[in-house]
Protein backbone atom coordinates (compact mmCIF):
# COMPACT_ATOMS: atom_id res chain seq x y z
CA MET A 1 44.43 130.73 113.69
CA PRO A 2 45.72 129.89 110.43
CA VAL A 3 45.62 126.28 109.28
CA LEU A 4 48.99 125.08 108.22
CA GLN A 5 50.27 121.76 107.14
CA GLY A 6 50.54 119.74 110.47
CA THR A 7 47.63 121.75 112.24
CA ARG A 8 45.47 119.44 114.34
CA PHE A 9 42.01 119.86 115.26
CA THR A 10 38.83 117.69 116.76
CA SER A 11 35.91 117.16 114.56
CA TYR A 12 32.80 115.98 115.35
CA GLY A 13 30.28 114.42 113.07
CA TRP A 14 27.47 111.96 112.61
CA LEU A 15 27.69 108.08 112.71
CA PRO A 16 24.55 105.66 113.10
CA ASN A 17 24.11 105.61 116.86
CA ASP A 18 26.51 107.89 117.38
CA LYS A 19 25.44 111.91 116.56
CA ASP A 20 28.52 113.32 118.20
CA HIS A 21 31.20 111.44 117.05
CA ARG A 22 34.52 112.56 117.59
CA ASN A 23 37.58 112.48 115.51
CA ASP A 24 41.18 113.79 115.88
CA VAL A 25 42.27 115.30 112.59
CA GLU A 26 45.34 116.35 111.19
CA VAL A 27 46.09 118.75 108.00
CA THR A 28 48.37 116.40 106.23
CA GLU A 29 48.69 118.22 102.78
CA LEU A 30 47.90 121.69 101.99
CA ALA A 31 48.67 123.00 98.65
CA THR A 32 46.46 126.38 98.86
CA PRO A 33 43.96 126.97 96.97
CA THR A 34 43.54 123.85 95.04
CA ARG A 35 44.24 120.87 97.66
CA LEU A 36 43.65 120.11 101.14
CA VAL A 37 44.04 116.67 102.61
CA LEU A 38 42.76 115.78 106.29
CA THR A 39 43.83 112.57 107.70
CA SER A 40 41.48 111.19 110.78
CA THR A 41 42.16 108.64 113.37
CA ASP A 42 39.20 106.62 114.72
CA ARG A 43 39.53 103.55 116.80
CA GLY A 44 43.21 103.06 115.54
CA GLU A 45 42.23 103.24 111.73
CA GLN A 46 43.12 106.02 109.45
CA PHE A 47 40.51 107.82 107.21
CA VAL A 48 41.95 110.24 104.46
CA ASN A 49 39.57 113.07 103.03
CA THR A 50 41.14 114.86 100.01
CA PHE A 51 39.51 117.99 98.79
CA THR A 52 40.47 119.24 95.39
CA VAL A 53 39.24 122.81 94.07
CA THR A 54 39.29 123.08 90.18
CA PRO A 55 38.13 126.54 88.74
CA ILE A 56 35.25 126.56 86.20
CA PRO A 57 33.59 129.32 84.40
CA ALA A 58 30.90 129.67 87.29
CA GLY A 59 33.28 129.55 90.01
CA ALA A 60 34.94 126.47 91.48
CA ARG A 61 34.15 122.74 91.69
CA ILE A 62 35.13 121.09 94.99
CA GLU A 63 35.77 117.35 95.11
CA ARG A 64 36.09 115.17 97.94
CA VAL A 65 37.53 111.85 97.82
CA THR A 66 37.43 109.58 100.93
CA ASP A 67 39.71 106.72 101.57
CA MET A 68 39.00 104.31 104.57
CA PRO A 69 39.56 100.83 105.78
CA LYS A 70 36.85 98.29 104.90
CA PRO A 71 34.90 97.15 107.78
CA SER A 72 35.30 93.52 108.69
CA GLY A 73 32.64 90.83 108.81
CA VAL A 74 28.82 91.34 108.06
CA VAL A 75 29.11 95.17 107.78
CA GLY A 76 32.08 94.75 105.31
CA LEU A 77 29.66 92.87 102.92
CA ILE A 78 27.05 95.40 103.26
CA PHE A 79 29.17 98.46 103.38
CA PRO A 80 28.90 99.35 99.78
CA ILE A 81 25.31 99.91 100.29
CA LEU A 82 25.77 101.61 103.58
CA ARG A 83 28.07 104.00 102.07
CA LYS A 84 25.92 104.78 99.21
CA ALA A 85 22.53 105.23 101.14
CA LEU A 86 23.81 106.95 104.27
CA ILE A 87 27.52 108.06 104.10
CA GLN A 88 27.77 109.54 100.66
CA PRO A 89 24.78 111.84 101.04
CA ASP A 90 26.14 113.16 104.25
CA MET A 91 29.19 113.91 102.81
CA THR A 92 27.72 115.68 99.84
CA LYS A 93 25.55 117.63 102.47
CA GLY A 94 28.86 118.50 103.98
CA LEU A 95 30.09 119.99 100.65
CA THR A 96 26.96 122.56 100.41
CA ARG A 97 27.95 124.49 103.61
CA PRO A 98 31.16 125.98 102.26
CA LYS A 99 29.34 126.93 99.20
CA ALA A 100 26.33 128.39 100.68
CA THR A 101 28.64 130.34 103.32
CA LEU A 102 30.68 131.77 100.44
CA GLU A 103 27.40 132.72 98.22
CA ALA A 104 26.24 134.57 101.14
CA SER A 105 29.40 136.76 101.76
């Protein structure tokens, strides 16, 4: 099935205490081959992941920027630490999967 702007799918990922966390995702922007924007909805909140592909001499660089609502309360206070320690490493690991797949083919 081709991926187009407006395509919707379900994604499962890891969160603390929820290793099969479900997200409903929509492709909200697609500018092949340089930009992909995915918007997911989780508990009424929107999370926007923007992937930008930039050619470099050795191949391509993929950058991922995530815009998400800041949690409230105590979690909101410690969220920058949680994001750096837990979330960002997992997001970086997620970008190594396409690299490994492409290099293997």
